[in-house]
Each structure stands twice: as C-alpha cells, then as structure tokens.
Protein backbone atom coordinates (compact mmCIF):
# COMPACT_ATOMS: atom_id res chain seq x y z
CA MET A 1 3.31 -20.67 -18.70
CA THR A 2 4.53 -17.94 -16.35
CA SER A 3 7.82 -18.64 -14.58
CA THR A 4 7.85 -17.90 -10.85
CA ASN A 5 10.05 -18.42 -7.82
CA PHE A 6 9.24 -17.89 -4.15
CA TYR A 7 11.29 -15.55 -1.99
CA GLU A 8 10.98 -14.46 1.64
CA LEU A 9 11.12 -10.69 1.78
CA PRO A 10 12.62 -8.92 4.80
CA SER A 11 9.84 -8.35 7.32
CA SER A 12 9.23 -5.90 10.15
CA GLN A 13 5.98 -7.53 11.29
CA PRO A 14 6.73 -10.48 13.62
CA LEU A 15 3.07 -10.76 14.62
CA SER A 16 1.88 -11.12 11.03
CA ASP A 17 4.70 -13.56 10.28
CA ALA A 18 3.72 -15.70 13.26
CA TYR A 19 0.07 -15.74 12.15
CA VAL A 20 0.82 -16.56 8.52
CA LYS A 21 3.40 -19.25 9.30
CA GLN A 22 1.36 -20.59 12.26
CA THR A 23 4.41 -20.54 14.54
CA ASP A 24 2.66 -19.18 17.66
CA SER A 25 -0.48 -21.04 18.76
CA ARG A 26 -1.10 -18.38 21.41
CA LEU A 27 -2.37 -16.09 18.63
CA ASN A 28 -5.37 -18.36 18.01
CA ALA A 29 -7.23 -16.50 20.75
CA LEU A 30 -6.82 -13.27 18.76
CA PHE A 31 -7.45 -14.62 15.25
CA HIS A 32 -10.42 -16.75 16.15
CA SER A 33 -11.81 -17.74 12.73
CA GLY A 34 -8.89 -19.92 11.82
CA HIS A 35 -6.32 -19.90 9.05
CA PRO A 36 -6.78 -19.74 5.26
CA ALA A 37 -4.57 -22.80 4.69
CA ASP A 38 -7.14 -25.04 6.43
CA GLU A 39 -10.21 -25.78 4.28
CA GLU A 40 -12.20 -26.80 7.35
CA HIS A 41 -11.82 -23.27 8.69
CA TRP A 42 -13.44 -21.91 5.52
CA ARG A 43 -16.36 -24.30 5.95
CA ALA A 44 -16.77 -23.45 9.62
CA ARG A 45 -16.71 -19.71 8.99
CA SER A 46 -19.23 -20.06 6.16
CA SER A 47 -21.57 -22.08 8.35
CA ARG A 48 -21.42 -19.49 11.15
CA LEU A 49 -22.19 -16.71 8.71
CA ASP A 50 -25.28 -18.56 7.50
CA GLY A 51 -26.51 -18.63 11.08
CA ALA A 52 -25.95 -14.94 11.78
CA LYS A 53 -27.85 -13.12 9.04
CA GLU A 54 -29.78 -11.02 11.54
CA LEU A 55 -26.55 -9.26 12.55
CA ARG A 56 -26.08 -7.70 9.12
CA VAL A 57 -27.67 -5.30 6.68
CA PRO A 58 -30.29 -7.07 4.52
CA SER A 59 -28.55 -8.53 1.45
CA ALA A 60 -30.95 -6.89 -0.98
CA ASP A 61 -30.24 -3.45 0.48
CA ILE A 62 -26.45 -3.62 0.15
CA ALA A 63 -26.86 -5.09 -3.35
CA ASP A 64 -28.97 -2.07 -4.38
CA ALA A 65 -26.26 0.32 -3.17
CA LEU A 66 -23.56 -1.68 -4.95
CA ARG A 67 -25.55 -1.79 -8.18
CA ARG A 68 -25.93 2.00 -8.28
CA TYR A 69 -22.28 2.62 -7.45
CA ASN A 70 -20.77 0.10 -9.89
CA ALA A 71 -23.04 1.28 -12.70
CA ARG A 72 -21.16 4.60 -12.60
CA PHE A 73 -18.01 2.86 -13.84
CA GLY A 74 -19.31 0.77 -16.72
CA MET A 75 -20.32 -2.26 -14.69
CA SER A 76 -19.45 -5.51 -16.49
CA GLN A 77 -21.86 -8.42 -16.86
CA GLU A 78 -19.68 -10.47 -14.51
CA THR A 79 -19.79 -7.79 -11.82
CA ALA A 80 -23.55 -7.33 -12.26
CA ALA A 81 -24.05 -11.07 -11.82
CA ASN A 82 -21.94 -11.05 -8.65
CA ILE A 83 -23.96 -8.17 -7.21
CA GLU A 84 -27.11 -10.17 -7.89
CA ALA A 85 -25.50 -13.06 -6.02
CA ILE A 86 -24.79 -10.77 -3.05
CA GLY A 87 -28.43 -9.74 -3.13
CA GLN A 88 -29.31 -13.41 -2.80
CA GLY A 89 -27.04 -13.81 0.23
CA ALA A 90 -23.70 -14.83 -1.34
CA GLN A 91 -20.73 -14.57 0.98
CA VAL A 92 -17.77 -12.39 0.04
CA VAL A 93 -14.00 -12.13 0.21
CA VAL A 94 -13.18 -8.47 0.74
CA GLY A 95 -10.01 -6.41 0.78
CA GLY A 96 -9.31 -2.80 0.16
CA GLN A 97 -7.03 0.18 0.02
CA GLN A 98 -7.10 3.94 0.13
CA ALA A 99 -7.95 5.41 -3.26
CA GLY A 100 -4.82 6.60 -5.06
CA LEU A 101 -3.77 8.17 -8.34
CA TRP A 102 -4.00 5.50 -11.10
CA THR A 103 -4.38 2.93 -8.28
CA GLY A 104 -1.17 4.05 -6.52
CA PRO A 105 1.60 1.50 -5.83
CA ILE A 106 1.26 -1.80 -7.63
CA LEU A 107 0.55 -3.67 -4.39
CA VAL A 108 -3.03 -2.41 -4.84
CA ILE A 109 -3.24 -4.49 -8.02
CA HIS A 110 -1.77 -7.43 -6.11
CA LYS A 111 -4.48 -7.05 -3.48
CA ALA A 112 -7.22 -7.14 -6.12
CA VAL A 113 -5.60 -10.24 -7.65
CA THR A 114 -5.56 -11.91 -4.22
CA ILE A 115 -9.21 -11.04 -3.53
CA ILE A 116 -10.25 -12.63 -6.81
CA ALA A 117 -8.01 -15.69 -6.29
CA ALA A 118 -9.17 -16.24 -2.69
CA ALA A 119 -12.85 -15.90 -3.65
CA LYS A 120 -12.35 -18.44 -6.43
CA HIS A 121 -10.58 -20.79 -4.01
CA ALA A 122 -13.33 -20.42 -1.40
CA SER A 123 -16.01 -21.04 -4.00
CA LYS A 124 -14.38 -24.38 -4.89
CA VAL A 125 -13.92 -25.37 -1.25
CA LEU A 126 -17.52 -24.53 -0.32
CA ASN A 127 -19.18 -25.43 -3.62
CA ARG A 128 -21.13 -22.16 -3.54
CA ALA A 129 -20.82 -18.66 -4.97
CA VAL A 130 -18.26 -16.46 -3.20
CA VAL A 131 -17.92 -12.91 -4.51
CA PRO A 132 -14.72 -10.80 -4.64
CA VAL A 133 -15.27 -7.28 -3.25
CA PHE A 134 -12.81 -4.39 -3.30
CA TRP A 135 -13.37 -1.87 -0.50
CA ILE A 136 -12.20 1.59 -1.60
CA ALA A 137 -11.33 3.55 1.54
CA GLY A 138 -12.46 6.83 0.03
CA GLU A 139 -13.26 8.14 3.51
CA ASP A 140 -9.54 8.53 4.28
CA HIS A 141 -8.25 12.10 4.18
CA ASP A 142 -4.50 11.64 3.75
CA TRP A 143 -4.27 13.44 0.42
CA ASP A 144 -0.47 13.42 0.28
CA GLU A 145 -0.48 9.62 0.46
CA ALA A 146 -3.12 9.26 -2.26
CA ASN A 147 -2.30 11.96 -4.80
CA HIS A 148 0.81 10.60 -6.50
CA ILE A 149 2.64 7.75 -8.17
CA THR A 150 6.36 7.05 -8.52
CA ALA A 151 7.68 6.35 -12.00
CA ALA A 152 11.03 4.84 -12.99
CA THR A 153 12.92 6.93 -15.55
CA GLU A 154 16.43 6.85 -17.05
CA GLN A 155 17.33 9.56 -14.52
CA GLY A 156 15.92 7.59 -11.57
CA LEU A 157 12.65 7.68 -9.68
CA ARG A 158 10.24 10.52 -10.36
CA LYS A 159 7.11 11.56 -8.47
CA LEU A 160 3.98 12.51 -10.43
CA ALA A 161 1.26 14.16 -8.35
CA VAL A 162 -2.09 15.91 -8.42
CA THR A 163 -2.18 19.04 -6.26
CA ARG A 164 -4.89 19.20 -3.59
CA PRO A 165 -7.36 22.01 -4.23
CA GLU A 166 -8.00 24.69 -1.65
CA GLY A 167 -10.51 23.78 1.04
CA PRO A 168 -10.97 21.81 4.25
CA ARG A 169 -9.08 18.59 5.01
CA THR A 170 -11.87 16.27 4.02
CA SER A 171 -11.99 12.75 2.59
CA VAL A 172 -10.41 11.82 -0.73
CA SER A 173 -13.87 10.92 -2.05
CA ARG A 174 -15.07 14.46 -1.30
CA THR A 175 -12.05 16.32 -2.67
CA ALA A 176 -12.74 17.46 -6.23
CA VAL A 177 -10.08 17.12 -8.91
CA ALA A 178 -10.41 19.68 -11.70
CA PRO A 179 -10.33 18.46 -15.34
CA GLU A 180 -7.19 20.50 -16.00
CA ALA A 181 -5.46 18.82 -13.04
CA TRP A 182 -6.26 15.39 -14.51
CA GLU A 183 -5.00 16.45 -17.94
CA SER A 184 -1.81 17.93 -16.51
CA ALA A 185 -1.06 14.67 -14.66
CA ILE A 186 -1.69 12.57 -17.77
CA ALA A 187 0.49 14.89 -19.87
CA GLU A 188 3.32 14.44 -17.37
CA LEU A 189 2.80 10.68 -17.41
CA GLU A 190 3.08 10.79 -21.21
CA THR A 191 6.58 12.28 -20.93
CA VAL A 192 7.66 9.53 -18.51
CA LEU A 193 6.37 6.46 -20.35
CA THR A 194 8.61 4.99 -23.02
CA GLY A 195 7.26 4.54 -26.52
CA SER A 196 5.30 1.33 -27.07
CA GLU A 197 2.30 -0.08 -28.90
CA PHE A 198 0.27 0.25 -25.68
CA LYS A 199 1.22 3.81 -24.74
CA GLU A 200 -1.39 5.78 -26.68
CA PRO A 201 -4.24 3.33 -25.91
CA LEU A 202 -3.34 3.57 -22.20
CA LEU A 203 -3.27 7.38 -22.21
CA ASP A 204 -6.53 7.48 -24.18
CA LYS A 205 -8.16 5.16 -21.65
CA LEU A 206 -6.98 7.26 -18.72
CA ARG A 207 -8.35 10.40 -20.40
CA GLU A 208 -11.65 8.62 -21.04
CA LEU A 209 -11.94 7.50 -17.42
CA THR A 210 -11.09 10.90 -15.99
CA LYS A 211 -13.73 12.72 -18.05
CA SER A 212 -16.33 11.51 -15.56
CA ALA A 213 -14.00 11.29 -12.54
CA LYS A 214 -14.71 14.10 -10.13
CA THR A 215 -12.32 12.74 -7.47
CA LEU A 216 -9.31 10.48 -7.04
CA SER A 217 -11.72 7.83 -5.75
CA ASP A 218 -13.70 7.99 -8.98
CA GLY A 219 -10.53 7.62 -11.04
CA PHE A 220 -9.39 4.74 -8.84
CA ALA A 221 -12.71 2.92 -9.19
CA GLY A 222 -12.78 3.46 -12.94
CA ILE A 223 -9.39 1.80 -13.40
CA LEU A 224 -10.27 -1.15 -11.16
CA ALA A 225 -13.54 -1.66 -13.05
CA TRP A 226 -11.65 -1.52 -16.35
CA LEU A 227 -8.92 -3.97 -15.29
CA PHE A 228 -10.98 -6.41 -13.20
CA GLY A 229 -14.57 -6.09 -14.38
CA GLY A 230 -14.19 -9.21 -16.49
CA TYR A 231 -13.30 -11.14 -13.33
CA GLY A 232 -16.45 -9.99 -11.54
CA LEU A 233 -14.77 -7.75 -8.99
CA VAL A 234 -17.39 -5.73 -7.10
CA LEU A 235 -16.42 -2.23 -5.95
CA ILE A 236 -17.62 -0.32 -2.91
CA ASP A 237 -16.57 3.16 -1.80
CA ALA A 238 -16.77 3.42 1.99
CA ASP A 239 -17.78 7.09 1.59
CA ASP A 240 -20.66 6.39 -0.81
CA ALA A 241 -23.84 8.09 0.47
CA ALA A 242 -26.01 5.02 -0.15
CA VAL A 243 -23.63 2.87 1.89
CA ARG A 244 -23.50 5.45 4.69
CA ALA A 245 -27.30 5.35 4.96
CA LEU A 246 -27.15 1.59 5.54
CA GLU A 247 -24.47 2.04 8.20
CA ALA A 248 -26.56 4.36 10.40
CA PRO A 249 -27.64 1.71 12.95
CA MET A 250 -24.08 0.51 13.46
CA PHE A 251 -22.75 4.05 13.87
CA ARG A 252 -25.38 4.54 16.54
CA ARG A 253 -24.31 1.36 18.35
CA MET A 254 -20.63 2.31 18.11
CA LEU A 255 -21.41 5.66 19.74
CA ALA A 256 -23.70 4.26 22.41
CA ASP A 257 -21.29 1.41 23.28
CA ASN A 258 -18.10 3.40 22.88
CA ASP A 259 -16.77 2.76 26.36
CA ALA A 260 -17.20 -0.97 25.88
CA LEU A 261 -15.47 -0.77 22.48
CA GLU A 262 -12.53 1.10 23.97
CA ALA A 263 -12.27 -1.49 26.73
CA ALA A 264 -12.25 -4.29 24.14
CA TYR A 265 -9.45 -2.65 22.13
CA THR A 266 -7.48 -2.03 25.33
CA ALA A 267 -7.88 -5.64 26.48
CA ASN A 268 -6.67 -6.97 23.13
CA GLY A 269 -3.75 -4.55 23.21
CA GLN A 270 -2.76 -5.74 26.66
CA MET A 271 -2.97 -9.34 25.49
CA LEU A 272 -0.65 -8.55 22.58
CA ASP A 273 1.75 -6.89 24.96
CA SER A 274 1.71 -9.90 27.28
CA LEU A 275 2.55 -12.14 24.31
CA GLY A 276 5.53 -9.97 23.45
CA TYR A 277 4.09 -8.24 20.36
CA ARG A 278 3.86 -4.53 19.63
CA MET A 279 0.50 -2.92 18.91
CA GLN A 280 0.26 -1.73 15.30
CA ALA A 281 -2.49 0.84 15.90
CA ALA A 282 -2.32 1.94 19.51
CA ALA A 283 -5.60 3.64 20.47
CA ALA A 284 -5.25 6.92 22.33
CA PRO A 285 -7.10 7.14 25.66
CA ASP A 286 -10.74 8.23 25.23
CA CYS A 287 -10.50 7.97 21.43
CA ALA A 288 -13.92 7.08 19.97
CA ASN A 289 -12.32 5.51 16.85
CA LEU A 290 -14.86 7.33 14.70
CA PHE A 291 -14.49 10.39 12.50
CA LEU A 292 -16.99 13.19 11.94
CA PHE A 293 -17.20 15.54 8.96
CA ARG A 294 -17.49 18.63 11.09
CA ASP A 295 -19.19 21.04 8.70
CA GLY A 296 -22.02 18.90 7.49
CA GLY A 297 -20.69 16.13 5.29
CA SER A 298 -22.36 14.84 2.15
CA SER A 299 -25.90 14.91 3.52
CA SER A 300 -25.86 18.73 3.71
CA GLY A 301 -23.80 19.25 0.58
CA LEU A 302 -20.87 20.67 2.57
CA GLN A 303 -17.40 19.17 2.27
CA GLY A 304 -16.35 19.59 5.89
CA ASP A 305 -13.02 18.73 7.47
CA ARG A 306 -12.81 15.20 8.87
CA VAL A 307 -11.94 15.10 12.57
CA LEU A 308 -11.30 12.17 14.90
CA LEU A 309 -13.70 12.09 17.86
CA TYR A 310 -12.64 11.89 21.50
CA LYS A 311 -14.81 11.35 24.58
CA ARG A 312 -14.87 14.25 27.01
CA ASP A 313 -17.22 15.45 29.77
CA GLY A 314 -19.96 13.00 28.83
CA GLY A 315 -19.87 14.02 25.17
CA PHE A 316 -17.46 14.14 22.26
CA THR A 317 -14.90 16.61 20.97
CA ASP A 318 -12.15 16.82 18.35
CA LYS A 319 -8.48 16.41 19.25
CA LYS A 320 -7.88 20.15 19.62
CA GLY A 321 -11.09 20.71 21.58
CA GLU A 322 -12.41 23.22 19.04
CA SER A 323 -15.89 21.67 18.84
CA PHE A 324 -18.11 19.78 21.28
CA TRP A 325 -21.10 17.51 20.71
CA SER A 326 -23.25 15.92 23.37
CA ALA A 327 -23.81 12.16 23.17
CA ASP A 328 -27.46 12.78 22.29
CA GLU A 329 -26.46 15.14 19.46
CA LEU A 330 -24.25 12.54 17.82
CA LEU A 331 -26.76 9.74 18.32
CA SER A 332 -29.33 11.91 16.60
CA LEU A 333 -26.88 12.69 13.79
CA ALA A 334 -26.19 8.97 13.31
CA ASP A 335 -29.91 8.52 12.62
CA SER A 336 -30.50 11.62 10.48
CA SER A 337 -27.11 12.26 8.80
CA PRO A 338 -24.96 9.12 8.80
CA GLY A 339 -22.96 10.65 5.95
CA GLN A 340 -21.26 12.86 8.52
CA PHE A 341 -19.58 9.82 10.13
CA SER A 342 -16.79 7.53 9.01
CA ASN A 343 -14.65 4.79 10.53
CA ASN A 344 -11.01 4.52 11.48
CA VAL A 345 -8.76 1.45 11.16
CA LEU A 346 -10.18 -0.18 14.30
CA THR A 347 -13.90 0.28 13.55
CA ARG A 348 -13.81 -0.19 9.77
CA PRO A 349 -13.49 -4.02 9.97
CA ILE A 350 -16.62 -4.20 12.15
CA MET A 351 -18.59 -2.00 9.76
CA GLN A 352 -17.41 -4.15 6.87
CA ASP A 353 -18.79 -7.24 8.61
CA TYR A 354 -22.06 -5.41 9.29
CA LEU A 355 -22.55 -4.70 5.58
CA PHE A 356 -21.45 -8.07 4.19
CA PRO A 357 -21.25 -11.74 5.12
CA VAL A 358 -17.44 -11.54 5.07
CA LEU A 359 -15.99 -15.00 4.68
CA ALA A 360 -12.43 -13.69 4.56
CA ALA A 361 -10.56 -10.38 4.53
CA VAL A 362 -7.47 -9.94 2.35
CA LEU A 363 -4.86 -7.95 4.27
CA GLY A 364 -1.27 -6.78 4.11
CA ALA A 365 1.17 -7.55 6.91
CA GLY A 366 0.52 -4.27 8.72
CA GLU A 367 -3.23 -4.74 8.48
CA ILE A 368 -3.03 -8.26 9.93
CA ALA A 369 -1.10 -6.80 12.86
CA TYR A 370 -3.76 -4.25 13.75
CA TRP A 371 -6.63 -6.68 13.17
CA ALA A 372 -5.14 -8.62 16.09
CA GLN A 373 -6.49 -5.80 18.26
CA ILE A 374 -10.09 -6.05 17.04
CA GLY A 375 -11.33 -9.52 18.07
CA GLY A 376 -12.91 -8.32 21.33
CA ALA A 377 -14.79 -5.56 19.50
CA PHE A 378 -16.22 -8.09 17.05
CA ARG A 379 -17.42 -10.23 19.93
CA HIS A 380 -19.01 -7.25 21.67
CA PHE A 381 -21.39 -6.98 18.71
CA GLY A 382 -22.00 -10.73 18.61
CA MET A 383 -19.79 -11.07 15.52
CA GLU A 384 -16.72 -13.10 14.78
CA MET A 385 -13.61 -12.03 12.94
CA PRO A 386 -13.41 -13.36 9.36
CA ILE A 387 -10.55 -15.50 8.13
CA LEU A 388 -7.55 -13.26 7.48
CA VAL A 389 -5.96 -13.92 4.10
CA PRO A 390 -2.43 -12.56 3.53
CA ARG A 391 -2.21 -10.48 0.39
CA MET A 392 -0.24 -12.27 -2.30
CA SER A 393 2.95 -10.42 -3.11
CA PHE A 394 4.89 -10.23 -6.38
CA THR A 395 7.96 -8.75 -7.98
CA LEU A 396 7.69 -8.50 -11.76
CA VAL A 397 10.97 -9.18 -13.56
CA GLU A 398 11.09 -8.20 -17.20
CA GLY A 399 13.12 -10.15 -19.72
CA THR A 400 15.73 -7.42 -20.21
CA ILE A 401 16.23 -7.08 -16.45
CA ALA A 402 16.60 -10.85 -16.08
CA LYS A 403 19.27 -10.85 -18.83
CA HIS A 404 21.18 -8.03 -17.11
CA MET A 405 21.07 -9.96 -13.83
CA MET A 406 22.48 -13.05 -15.54
CA LYS A 407 25.21 -10.99 -17.23
CA TYR A 408 26.42 -9.64 -13.89
CA ASP A 409 25.79 -12.88 -11.99
CA LEU A 410 23.21 -11.29 -9.70
CA THR A 411 20.60 -13.22 -7.74
CA PHE A 412 17.34 -11.69 -6.56
CA ASP A 413 18.73 -11.88 -3.03
CA ASP A 414 21.79 -9.91 -4.15
CA VAL A 415 19.59 -7.10 -5.43
CA VAL A 416 17.49 -7.03 -2.24
CA ARG A 417 20.21 -7.34 0.38
CA ARG A 418 23.58 -6.30 -1.03
CA PHE A 419 23.06 -4.48 -4.31
CA GLU A 420 25.41 -1.50 -3.81
CA GLU A 421 28.08 -3.80 -2.38
CA ARG A 422 27.89 -6.07 -5.45
CA LYS A 423 27.88 -3.08 -7.78
CA GLN A 424 31.05 -1.64 -6.24
CA GLN A 425 32.71 -5.07 -6.27
CA TRP A 426 31.98 -5.35 -9.98
CA LEU A 427 33.35 -1.89 -10.68
CA MET A 428 36.53 -2.64 -8.76
CA ALA A 429 36.98 -5.88 -10.68
CA GLN A 430 36.91 -3.89 -13.97
CA ASP A 431 39.72 -1.60 -12.78
CA ARG A 432 42.79 -3.16 -14.42
CA PHE A 433 44.69 0.05 -13.59
CA ASP A 434 44.18 -0.27 -9.81
CA ILE A 435 43.33 3.44 -9.71
CA ALA A 436 42.53 3.62 -6.00
CA GLY A 437 45.55 1.52 -5.04
CA ARG A 438 48.07 3.45 -7.13
CA PHE A 439 46.81 6.88 -6.10
CA GLY A 440 46.74 5.73 -2.49
CA ALA A 441 50.34 4.56 -2.76
CA ALA A 442 51.36 7.85 -4.37
CA LYS A 443 49.81 9.83 -1.51
CA ARG A 444 51.57 7.68 1.06
CA ASP A 445 54.90 8.04 -0.75
CA PHE A 446 54.43 11.81 -1.05
CA GLU A 447 53.62 12.17 2.65
CA SER A 448 56.62 10.07 3.67
CA LEU A 449 58.90 12.27 1.53
CA TYR A 450 57.30 15.61 2.33
CA ALA A 451 56.65 15.26 6.09
CA PRO A 452 60.39 15.40 6.94
CA LEU A 453 60.69 18.59 4.87
CA VAL A 454 57.87 20.18 6.82
CA GLU A 455 59.59 19.14 10.03
CA LEU A 456 62.86 20.62 8.76
CA ALA A 457 61.19 23.92 7.86
CA GLY A 458 59.73 24.09 11.36
CA GLU A 459 63.13 23.63 12.91
CA VAL A 460 64.53 26.48 10.85
CA GLN A 461 61.59 28.75 11.77
CA ALA A 462 58.63 27.67 13.96
CA GLY A 463 56.04 29.44 11.84
CA LEU A 464 57.03 27.50 8.72
CA ALA A 465 55.71 24.20 10.15
CA ALA A 466 52.09 25.33 9.84
CA LEU A 467 52.75 26.72 6.36
CA GLY A 468 54.36 23.43 5.35
CA THR A 469 51.40 21.40 6.67
CA THR A 470 48.96 23.62 4.77
CA ASN A 471 51.03 23.26 1.61
CA MET A 472 51.19 19.48 2.00
CA ASN A 473 47.41 19.26 2.44
CA LYS A 474 46.86 21.34 -0.69
CA ILE A 475 49.04 18.99 -2.70
CA LEU A 476 47.17 15.98 -1.26
CA GLU A 477 43.89 17.65 -2.25
CA GLN A 478 45.20 18.04 -5.79
CA ILE A 479 46.13 14.38 -5.88
CA ASP A 480 42.58 13.54 -4.65
CA PHE A 481 41.16 15.81 -7.35
CA LEU A 482 43.11 14.00 -10.05
CA GLN A 483 42.09 10.64 -8.58
CA ASN A 484 38.40 11.63 -8.66
CA ARG A 485 38.69 12.84 -12.25
CA THR A 486 40.45 9.63 -13.22
CA GLN A 487 37.80 7.51 -11.52
CA ASP A 488 35.02 9.55 -13.17
CA ALA A 489 36.64 8.92 -16.53
CA PHE A 490 36.90 5.23 -15.69
CA ARG A 491 33.20 5.10 -14.72
CA LYS A 492 32.22 6.89 -17.93
CA SER A 493 34.03 4.22 -19.88
CA HIS A 494 31.62 1.78 -18.25
CA ASP A 495 28.50 3.97 -18.55
CA ALA A 496 26.48 1.36 -20.41
CA SER A 497 27.12 -1.29 -17.77
CA ILE A 498 26.43 1.12 -14.91
CA ARG A 499 23.10 2.00 -16.54
CA HIS A 500 22.34 -1.74 -16.61
CA TRP A 501 23.05 -1.94 -12.88
CA ASP A 502 20.93 1.13 -12.16
CA ARG A 503 18.05 -0.27 -14.20
CA ILE A 504 18.21 -3.52 -12.25
CA GLY A 505 18.07 -1.69 -8.92
CA THR A 506 15.24 0.64 -9.98
CA ALA A 507 13.19 -2.16 -11.49
CA ILE A 508 13.56 -4.71 -8.65
CA TRP A 509 14.19 -2.75 -5.46
CA PRO A 510 13.50 0.94 -6.21
CA GLY A 511 14.70 3.37 -3.58
CA GLY A 512 15.63 0.49 -1.30
CA LYS A 513 12.03 -0.76 -1.10
CA PRO A 514 10.05 -3.64 -2.64
CA GLN A 515 8.91 -2.90 -6.18
CA GLU A 516 5.25 -3.33 -5.23
CA ARG A 517 5.44 -0.50 -2.68
CA VAL A 518 6.89 2.04 -5.10
CA LEU A 519 6.13 1.55 -8.79
CA ASN A 520 2.73 1.99 -10.48
CA MET A 521 0.84 -0.30 -12.80
CA THR A 522 1.04 2.15 -15.75
CA ALA A 523 4.68 1.19 -16.38
CA TYR A 524 3.75 -2.46 -16.93
CA TYR A 525 0.60 -1.76 -18.90
CA ASN A 526 2.66 0.48 -21.16
CA ARG A 527 5.05 -2.37 -21.96
CA TYR A 528 2.77 -5.41 -21.90
CA GLY A 529 -0.85 -4.31 -22.22
CA THR A 530 -2.89 -6.63 -20.03
CA ASP A 531 -0.60 -9.66 -20.45
CA TRP A 532 1.27 -9.05 -17.17
CA LEU A 533 -2.03 -8.83 -15.28
CA ALA A 534 -3.42 -11.96 -16.92
CA LYS A 535 -0.29 -13.83 -15.81
CA LEU A 536 -0.83 -12.77 -12.19
CA LEU A 537 -4.49 -13.72 -12.30
CA ALA A 538 -3.61 -17.14 -13.73
CA LEU A 539 -1.25 -18.00 -10.86
CA PRO A 540 -2.49 -20.49 -8.25
CA TYR A 541 -3.90 -19.07 -5.03
CA VAL A 542 -1.24 -19.12 -2.28
CA PRO A 543 -2.85 -18.97 1.20
CA SER A 544 0.45 -17.98 2.83
CA GLY A 545 0.76 -14.93 0.58
CA GLU A 546 4.45 -15.80 0.16
CA HIS A 547 6.29 -13.41 -2.13
CA GLN A 548 6.65 -14.60 -5.72
CA ILE A 549 9.17 -13.49 -8.33
CA VAL A 550 7.27 -13.44 -11.61
CA TYR A 551 9.29 -13.47 -14.84
CA LEU A 552 7.43 -11.73 -17.64
C-alpha cells in the first residue's frame, strides 16, 4: 500500500483557498453549483443537467467528433465505451491543460488522475455512468510555455525544448513539429535520463508516438492516451476542426451578445473586489474574449496568427488595430468558418458546458480564481456553473530521497520553507575547525595591530596613511582568499553529503517551486515504469485537493 501524508503548501490564492476550505460563505453567490465535498450538490447538479439538454450540442454529435479524434491515438476499449456513453447522454467530469512537450510539468498528470478519480467518485454517488474527459487546450498560442520540460540532472535543473518553426504566431495545435525536431529532443532526453530497465522502452515509445505526431498537441494526446487509455480517459482538442464545427452556434451567440457578456464579467469582477479578492483574469475594456485566426484558420488551410478581438466602432479589431471586421462579417464567419475562432480563459468554460453535460470541472488554484468571474456569463446563456473540483496535488518522494532526509533529520516542511538555512546549519556543525570563526578572529587581530601602524605612518607623512590603508586592505583580501580556499577544501571533503542535500532540494522543491510545477513525468517513468502512476490512481479521491506527499 502506498504511504502518503498530507501537507498544506504555501498558497498565493486566497480566493481559491476560501472556496476549497469553505471559509467564506459570501462566495456561494459566485460558485453557485455547490462544493464537491457535499454529495447532495453532485445530485442536484446532475438533476439540473438532465433538465437542460436543449442548451447543449446533441450528445451523438459530440460523441462522433470524439470518436474520430481519439481513434487517431490508438483509442482503448475503455475510452471507446466511454465515448459511446457520452453519445447516450452520460455526464462528464472535465479538466484540461495547454498541450506541452511530453505532457509538460507533472501537475498535468495529477490533473488527469483527479479527473479520473472525481468521475469515479461521482459515478458512485449518482449510481450512473460519469465519464472522465481531458480538454487539451491546443488553441493556445504560447509556444514558449508549451515547448519544453525541465529535467533534474547531477548538475542541476536543465531545460529541454523544441524550437518553434518559422511562421505566424498561431495555436500550438496548428504549429508543425518536424520529425528531426522530435528526434533531436528525444536524443537530448536520452542523455539526461539515468540508466534503468525502463529507459529504452520509454524512449522507444516516445519515438513511436512522435512518428505520427505533427504537432505538440498530437504528441501530448498520444502520451495521455497511452498512460490513461486503460482508465477510459476521453481526449478532446479544443482546436479540433470537428469540434469547432459544433461550436459555431455558440460563437455566433458570443459575438452577438458580446456587450452583455462583458457586462457580466465586469459585474462579477466588481463583486470580487467588494468582497476583498483580486481578479485573476482582469478583462480589458471592450475585449471580446474571443480569438480569431486572422489569415484563414484551419477551414481555409492557412495557419494564421491568432489575435484577441476588441470591440471598436460597431465592429471588431485586433489589439494593435491592424485589421477590422464588421459585426456582420464575424457573424457570417462564425456560421461558415468556425475554425477561425477560439476562446480565451473567460469564454472557454462556457463553450465547454455547451459541448458537454459538465457535472464538474477539475481546476487548479489559479483556474478556480478566474472561474469566480464567470458565473454571470453562464447565467446569461441560461446555464449554471458546474461543481469546481480542486486538482489533487502530489509530491513524489523516492526511497533514496526519503533516506537522505532521515539521515540529515529533514522534514518535508524543512525542505519547503527553510532548506538553505538547514543546509548551512548542517555544514557549520561539521566544521570542527571553526574556519569562519578563526579566520574572523585573525582579521580582527591583524586590524587591531596594523591600524596603529597606518596611523603612525600618516603622522610621519600624510600621504602614507592612504598607502597604509591600501596595503592593509590587500592583506585582508589575501586572508579572505585563504579563508575561501580553506572553506572550499572543507566543502570538498563533504562533497558526497552536499550532493545528497542538492538531490533532496532538486527532487522535492526544484528551483524553489513545488515539484509538480517543474519536473516532468519522464523522470519517474524512467525509474518506475507505470508503478508510480498506478499508485496515484489507486489513492482515494480527495475533494479538497489537499496536497499529498507520496512515498514511492
């Protein structure tokens, strides 16, 4: 059985904390579908969804799009069965992330684990099929956020990246990755991973998946299908052409009702402000909260740059005012070429609810904070916000790391909050020579002896005082030099222990951040195969999403 402990990570999201811990009842007006810890709220949300089918895309239509997309990535029998259930009207638990190289930071894996766990929990509560769905935000265009992973090496953290090809700043799902770029990235990964029984199978699998991966989104989806297909996880790429076609009516409504949407976001923002909370995603004045692929998008075969739309002079423009579209032009485009449109963080949740009967959305702390701004927009379209489920959060502690922590009497809290302080305290405790103290005393003794001589020289000839001071400082510098060399030699005598300390810091709190926000899943697959993932998937569902320390 997997050993775990709970730990409260430092947080910078008071709004999310208040929602999760239910410490501020005033937030109920913003999060109006209830809380995941209350089973009655699941039942109530499910019942309301059953009564609002006319507000969504027909279940059979979204199932057809999902079937075609998931088939591209070796759809498992479990996933196929879940898509059939969606086609029959099954409700879903959905969560997502921007597509990233080899799934990006390991929190993406944690989100998939939470989606599966929450769907399983909801299915038991409701006694009906609830399907886990992972929403790949392939429409996002922040290439520099998606194109890399961070690996832990003996020399410290190392960034591995795929270079963006030349061309317009378009979505990740429309940015082609050349086969040689994939192979170069995998070859670099091979040099970073330590030798293990799982290394070659992992590299072979990545090469196999990337043979048919034209984009980072394809590679991302392939890995998720490989890791979670057996658990029935259904994948959707927000930038998939078949999905875009289904979204056309909602894009049209979002354009036609844009003033009302902006007013709803503004009203929710003002409410947050009045409650003493900061807006996570402040909407700029006249922002339409929709993107347009300016040069044609997927429907015309062009991979145009993705620009955020703003309302101006009765129509729409981009931020720099380089292009202009009348309202009628964009309404017509929504009907004929919906692939040219995509959502931002404030409209994506509404589109998600238009495509699926979303029982619950799995979100990180930052996402929960900006969803607090969306309730009024949901209501404008006659919808209701789903239950917001905090993403479960983990730190994986390997056996060797746990032994090092015991050896140096380190708690998890020590590593998170005072690691460098504890490391320096340990080093000082090993110094039986009192290097710093003795060199410090020598410098003080030297100054006390030498300063009167400098003063004497100045009395004999005024110009000698400055020369004496310079001479004294040079001697002090030489003492510092010898002290530094002595301390370096001392540290080298403890190299093995210092490497232990550095490994602890890199493994638990790399770069001063939570492990899940920095390291990639390939490091753990390389050492444990799928065992580490099976342990996470076997853990009980935790509706609070409280951080868990998992000992492997």
